[in-house]
Amino acid sequence: MDLKLTGKKALITGSTAGIGFAVAARFLAEGASVILNGRSKESVSTAISDLKLIFPKSDISGVAADFSKVEDVNRLIAEVTEVDILINNAGIFEPKAFTEIPDEDWFRLFEINVMSGIRLSRIYFPKMLEKNWGRIIFISSESGVFIPEEMIHYGMTKTAQLAVSRGLAELTKGTSVTVNSILPGPTWSKGVGQFIEDLANSDNKTAQEVEKDFFKNMRPTSLIQRFATVEEVADTVVYYSSPLASATNGAAIRVEGGLVKSIL
């Protein structure tokens, strides 16, 4: 299927690994130009080189920016003045008992997970409205509607993204700009792999035992009973970024393996 993305420019935050990297690869496969982002110049350069091996003739660039630092965000905006598609994927998570989460951690996760998308959307959204075409997608999570007890502060930030996304969508009425959220469920990425490994070490179990236990006890409502792949999530993200998804706006699209027991 041709997603009609040839010539479109996409900025994907947090795209040197995991879901973001897979999204970048999928955009490139569809003929879009891609701007990568990571916290360091080294990670960005490595990701560009890796993608160039797969898509040697594609238009790939990158900007290093740490979204916990406003000055880095401002520098990114100065370098990337306009985009057709903004994928707000930058984010962090950490399992921690509620009573052990200090104020600083609440603010840190909000700063990176929520304010990153707000600051970029504040710049690019009006320009999309001016040219009457654009896509903004927030990579939220099933944790935004199914708050995980082991990291409530993370769930809070994912819920906040849903609110911002829907609010922006309300401002697109009558235009060809859309704003949506994608809600991945448990997805096997580098960060999740480390999460499983840390749990295995703390519980004196193998990673395979922890993964099985994770779906049995922590995410028992999952219908697929496995981690999604980053490619499965990327396919959904890129489709809803395309002109083919023009009638979907203000939506929260789930890619969580049926974990959330709701028909809406």
Protein backbone atom coordinates (compact mmCIF):
# COMPACT_ATOMS: atom_id res chain seq x y z
CA MET A 1 0.00 0.00 0.00
CA ASP A 2 1.30 3.44 -0.95
CA LEU A 3 0.84 5.71 2.08
CA LYS A 4 1.49 8.81 -0.08
CA LEU A 5 4.26 10.09 2.16
CA THR A 6 6.87 10.76 -0.53
CA GLY A 7 8.33 14.20 0.01
CA LYS A 8 6.86 14.69 3.48
CA LYS A 9 9.27 15.77 6.23
CA ALA A 10 8.94 13.98 9.56
CA LEU A 11 10.62 14.83 12.87
CA ILE A 12 10.66 11.93 15.30
CA THR A 13 11.86 12.65 18.81
CA GLY A 14 13.61 9.90 20.73
CA SER A 15 14.35 8.03 17.53
CA THR A 16 17.83 6.57 17.88
CA ALA A 17 16.47 3.26 19.19
CA GLY A 18 13.28 1.36 19.96
CA ILE A 19 9.91 2.49 18.69
CA GLY A 20 11.26 5.82 17.42
CA PHE A 21 13.95 4.18 15.32
CA ALA A 22 11.42 1.72 13.87
CA VAL A 23 9.08 4.61 13.03
CA ALA A 24 11.93 6.41 11.27
CA ALA A 25 12.71 3.32 9.21
CA ARG A 26 9.06 2.94 8.21
CA PHE A 27 8.84 6.58 7.11
CA LEU A 28 11.96 6.17 5.01
CA ALA A 29 10.53 3.06 3.39
CA GLU A 30 7.54 5.19 2.37
CA GLY A 31 9.71 7.87 0.77
CA ALA A 32 9.51 10.52 3.49
CA SER A 33 12.51 12.53 4.65
CA VAL A 34 13.33 11.98 8.29
CA ILE A 35 14.92 14.03 11.05
CA LEU A 36 16.15 11.86 13.89
CA ASN A 37 16.63 12.95 17.47
CA GLY A 38 18.55 11.57 20.41
CA ARG A 39 20.23 12.91 23.53
CA SER A 40 23.77 12.78 22.14
CA LYS A 41 25.46 13.52 18.83
CA GLU A 42 27.01 10.05 18.94
CA SER A 43 23.69 8.23 19.22
CA VAL A 44 22.20 10.35 16.43
CA SER A 45 25.18 9.76 14.13
CA THR A 46 25.06 6.02 14.77
CA ALA A 47 21.34 5.84 14.03
CA ILE A 48 21.78 7.83 10.81
CA SER A 49 24.57 5.50 9.70
CA ASP A 50 22.48 2.42 10.47
CA LEU A 51 19.53 3.74 8.48
CA LYS A 52 21.76 4.83 5.59
CA LEU A 53 22.85 1.22 5.21
CA ILE A 54 19.22 0.21 4.67
CA PHE A 55 18.06 3.31 2.78
CA PRO A 56 21.19 4.67 1.06
CA LYS A 57 19.34 7.14 -1.16
CA SER A 58 17.02 8.51 1.49
CA ASP A 59 17.01 11.97 3.04
CA ILE A 60 18.07 11.43 6.67
CA SER A 61 19.38 14.02 9.10
CA GLY A 62 19.43 14.40 12.86
CA VAL A 63 19.59 16.81 15.77
CA ALA A 64 20.86 15.96 19.23
CA ALA A 65 18.69 17.39 21.99
CA ASP A 66 18.04 16.40 25.60
CA PHE A 67 14.39 17.17 26.34
CA SER A 68 15.12 17.72 30.00
CA LYS A 69 16.97 20.89 28.93
CA VAL A 70 14.99 23.81 27.52
CA GLU A 71 18.09 25.20 25.82
CA ASP A 72 18.45 21.97 23.84
CA VAL A 73 14.81 22.15 22.76
CA ASN A 74 15.26 25.75 21.62
CA ARG A 75 18.33 24.78 19.62
CA LEU A 76 16.43 21.96 17.91
CA ILE A 77 13.63 24.36 17.00
CA ALA A 78 16.16 26.83 15.58
CA GLU A 79 17.67 24.09 13.40
CA VAL A 80 14.37 22.52 12.32
CA THR A 81 12.06 25.40 11.47
CA GLU A 82 9.19 23.49 9.87
CA VAL A 83 7.96 19.91 9.47
CA ASP A 84 4.99 18.19 7.90
CA ILE A 85 4.81 15.46 10.53
CA LEU A 86 5.77 15.62 14.21
CA ILE A 87 6.05 12.41 16.18
CA ASN A 88 6.34 13.18 19.90
CA ASN A 89 8.04 9.98 21.01
CA ALA A 90 10.71 11.16 23.47
CA GLY A 91 10.06 9.74 26.91
CA ILE A 92 11.43 7.93 29.92
CA PHE A 93 9.98 5.49 32.45
CA GLU A 94 11.07 3.84 35.66
CA PRO A 95 9.41 1.35 37.99
CA LYS A 96 9.23 2.80 41.50
CA ALA A 97 6.89 2.39 44.46
CA PHE A 98 4.52 5.36 44.84
CA THR A 99 5.70 6.27 48.34
CA GLU A 100 9.31 6.31 47.12
CA ILE A 101 8.77 8.73 44.23
CA PRO A 102 10.10 12.17 45.26
CA ASP A 103 8.76 15.42 43.85
CA GLU A 104 11.79 15.71 41.63
CA ASP A 105 10.93 12.48 39.79
CA TRP A 106 7.36 13.59 39.15
CA PHE A 107 8.59 16.85 37.65
CA ARG A 108 11.38 15.14 35.69
CA LEU A 109 9.04 12.69 33.97
CA PHE A 110 6.52 15.45 33.24
CA GLU A 111 9.25 17.69 31.81
CA ILE A 112 10.52 15.04 29.41
CA ASN A 113 7.40 13.05 28.56
CA VAL A 114 4.85 15.87 28.35
CA MET A 115 6.56 19.22 27.93
CA SER A 116 8.73 17.91 25.07
CA GLY A 117 5.65 17.44 22.89
CA ILE A 118 4.04 20.67 24.08
CA ARG A 119 7.09 22.80 23.26
CA LEU A 120 7.51 21.38 19.78
CA SER A 121 3.79 21.43 18.97
CA ARG A 122 3.60 25.07 20.03
CA ILE A 123 6.06 25.87 17.22
CA TYR A 124 5.07 23.50 14.42
CA PHE A 125 1.29 23.32 14.90
CA PRO A 126 0.53 26.91 13.78
CA LYS A 127 2.67 26.42 10.67
CA MET A 128 0.74 23.26 9.80
CA LEU A 129 -2.50 25.20 10.11
CA GLU A 130 -1.13 27.94 7.84
CA LYS A 131 -0.37 25.51 5.02
CA ASN A 132 -3.52 23.46 5.81
CA TRP A 133 -1.77 20.12 6.16
CA GLY A 134 0.10 18.39 8.93
CA ARG A 135 0.20 15.52 11.36
CA ILE A 136 1.06 15.53 15.05
CA ILE A 137 1.15 12.23 16.89
CA PHE A 138 1.84 11.76 20.57
CA ILE A 139 3.25 8.36 21.48
CA SER A 140 1.31 7.83 24.67
CA SER A 141 0.78 4.38 26.19
CA GLU A 142 -1.86 2.01 27.47
CA SER A 143 -0.45 3.15 30.81
CA GLY A 144 -2.31 6.41 30.22
CA VAL A 145 -5.66 4.66 30.67
CA PHE A 146 -4.51 1.56 32.57
CA ILE A 147 -2.27 3.20 35.16
CA PRO A 148 0.48 0.78 36.27
CA GLU A 149 0.75 0.53 40.03
CA GLU A 150 4.52 0.08 39.78
CA MET A 151 5.05 3.47 38.06
CA ILE A 152 2.10 5.77 38.66
CA HIS A 153 4.16 8.86 37.79
CA TYR A 154 4.79 7.45 34.30
CA GLY A 155 1.08 6.70 33.83
CA MET A 156 0.26 10.26 34.83
CA THR A 157 2.43 11.65 32.03
CA LYS A 158 0.84 9.36 29.47
CA THR A 159 -2.65 10.49 30.50
CA ALA A 160 -1.51 14.10 30.20
CA GLN A 161 -0.38 13.45 26.63
CA LEU A 162 -3.87 12.24 25.75
CA ALA A 163 -5.36 15.47 27.08
CA VAL A 164 -2.92 17.66 25.16
CA SER A 165 -3.45 15.68 21.97
CA ARG A 166 -7.22 15.90 22.13
CA GLY A 167 -7.08 19.60 23.00
CA LEU A 168 -4.90 20.37 19.98
CA ALA A 169 -7.19 18.34 17.75
CA GLU A 170 -10.05 20.62 18.76
CA LEU A 171 -8.10 23.51 17.25
CA THR A 172 -7.89 21.82 13.83
CA LYS A 173 -11.60 21.98 13.05
CA GLY A 174 -12.24 22.40 9.33
CA THR A 175 -8.59 21.94 8.34
CA SER A 176 -6.48 19.12 6.91
CA VAL A 177 -4.32 18.97 10.04
CA THR A 178 -4.85 16.06 12.43
CA VAL A 179 -3.60 15.36 15.94
CA ASN A 180 -3.83 11.86 17.40
CA SER A 181 -2.31 9.69 20.10
CA ILE A 182 -0.97 6.18 19.70
CA LEU A 183 -1.16 3.93 22.77
CA PRO A 184 1.38 1.10 22.55
CA GLY A 185 1.14 -1.67 25.10
CA PRO A 186 4.12 -3.61 26.43
CA THR A 187 6.62 -3.45 23.56
CA TRP A 188 9.97 -5.17 23.32
CA SER A 189 12.59 -2.43 23.02
CA LYS A 190 15.99 -1.77 24.52
CA GLY A 191 14.43 0.01 27.50
CA VAL A 192 11.94 -2.77 28.17
CA GLY A 193 14.67 -5.36 27.80
CA GLN A 194 16.63 -3.58 30.53
CA PHE A 195 13.47 -3.37 32.67
CA ILE A 196 12.97 -7.14 32.39
CA GLU A 197 16.64 -7.80 33.09
CA ASP A 198 16.56 -5.59 36.19
CA LEU A 199 13.48 -7.40 37.49
CA ALA A 200 15.13 -10.76 36.79
CA ASN A 201 18.23 -9.77 38.74
CA SER A 202 16.26 -8.41 41.69
CA ASP A 203 14.02 -11.51 41.87
CA ASN A 204 16.79 -14.03 41.11
CA LYS A 205 14.95 -15.33 38.04
CA THR A 206 15.69 -15.71 34.34
CA ALA A 207 14.47 -13.09 31.88
CA GLN A 208 12.13 -15.68 30.34
CA GLU A 209 10.58 -16.41 33.73
CA VAL A 210 10.10 -12.71 34.39
CA GLU A 211 8.45 -12.14 31.00
CA LYS A 212 6.03 -15.01 31.56
CA ASP A 213 5.28 -13.79 35.06
CA PHE A 214 4.83 -10.24 33.78
CA PHE A 215 1.91 -11.20 31.56
CA LYS A 216 0.47 -13.65 34.05
CA ASN A 217 0.46 -11.33 37.05
CA MET A 218 1.15 -7.74 35.99
CA ARG A 219 -0.65 -7.59 32.61
CA PRO A 220 -3.05 -10.57 32.75
CA THR A 221 -5.65 -8.90 30.50
CA SER A 222 -3.34 -8.90 27.48
CA LEU A 223 -4.97 -10.88 24.71
CA ILE A 224 -1.79 -11.53 22.72
CA GLN A 225 0.15 -12.49 25.91
CA ARG A 226 3.43 -11.25 24.50
CA PHE A 227 5.38 -8.08 23.93
CA ALA A 228 4.53 -6.27 20.70
CA THR A 229 7.41 -5.58 18.35
CA VAL A 230 8.57 -2.05 17.64
CA GLU A 231 7.73 -2.67 13.98
CA GLU A 232 4.10 -3.43 14.83
CA VAL A 233 3.82 -0.11 16.62
CA ALA A 234 5.68 1.74 13.87
CA ASP A 235 3.30 0.48 11.18
CA THR A 236 0.37 1.99 13.07
CA VAL A 237 2.16 5.29 13.75
CA VAL A 238 3.13 5.82 10.13
CA TYR A 239 -0.29 4.92 8.77
CA TYR A 240 -1.99 7.50 10.99
CA SER A 241 0.62 10.03 9.91
CA SER A 242 -0.33 9.55 6.28
CA PRO A 243 -2.90 11.25 4.03
CA LEU A 244 -4.80 7.95 4.01
CA ALA A 245 -5.80 8.53 7.65
CA SER A 246 -7.31 11.96 6.98
CA ALA A 247 -10.64 11.14 8.68
CA THR A 248 -9.04 10.16 11.99
CA ASN A 249 -8.55 13.15 14.26
CA GLY A 250 -8.54 13.60 18.03
CA ALA A 251 -8.33 9.85 18.51
CA ALA A 252 -6.45 7.61 20.93
CA ILE A 253 -5.45 4.59 18.86
CA ARG A 254 -4.51 1.48 20.79
CA VAL A 255 -1.73 -0.93 19.83
CA GLU A 256 -1.69 -2.73 23.16
CA GLY A 257 -2.62 -6.29 22.32
CA GLY A 258 -6.10 -6.05 23.80
CA LEU A 259 -4.75 -5.35 27.28
CA VAL A 260 -7.31 -2.61 28.03
CA LYS A 261 -10.70 -4.24 28.61
CA SER A 262 -12.81 -1.59 26.94
CA ILE A 263 -14.57 -1.32 23.61
CA LEU A 264 -14.00 2.46 23.48
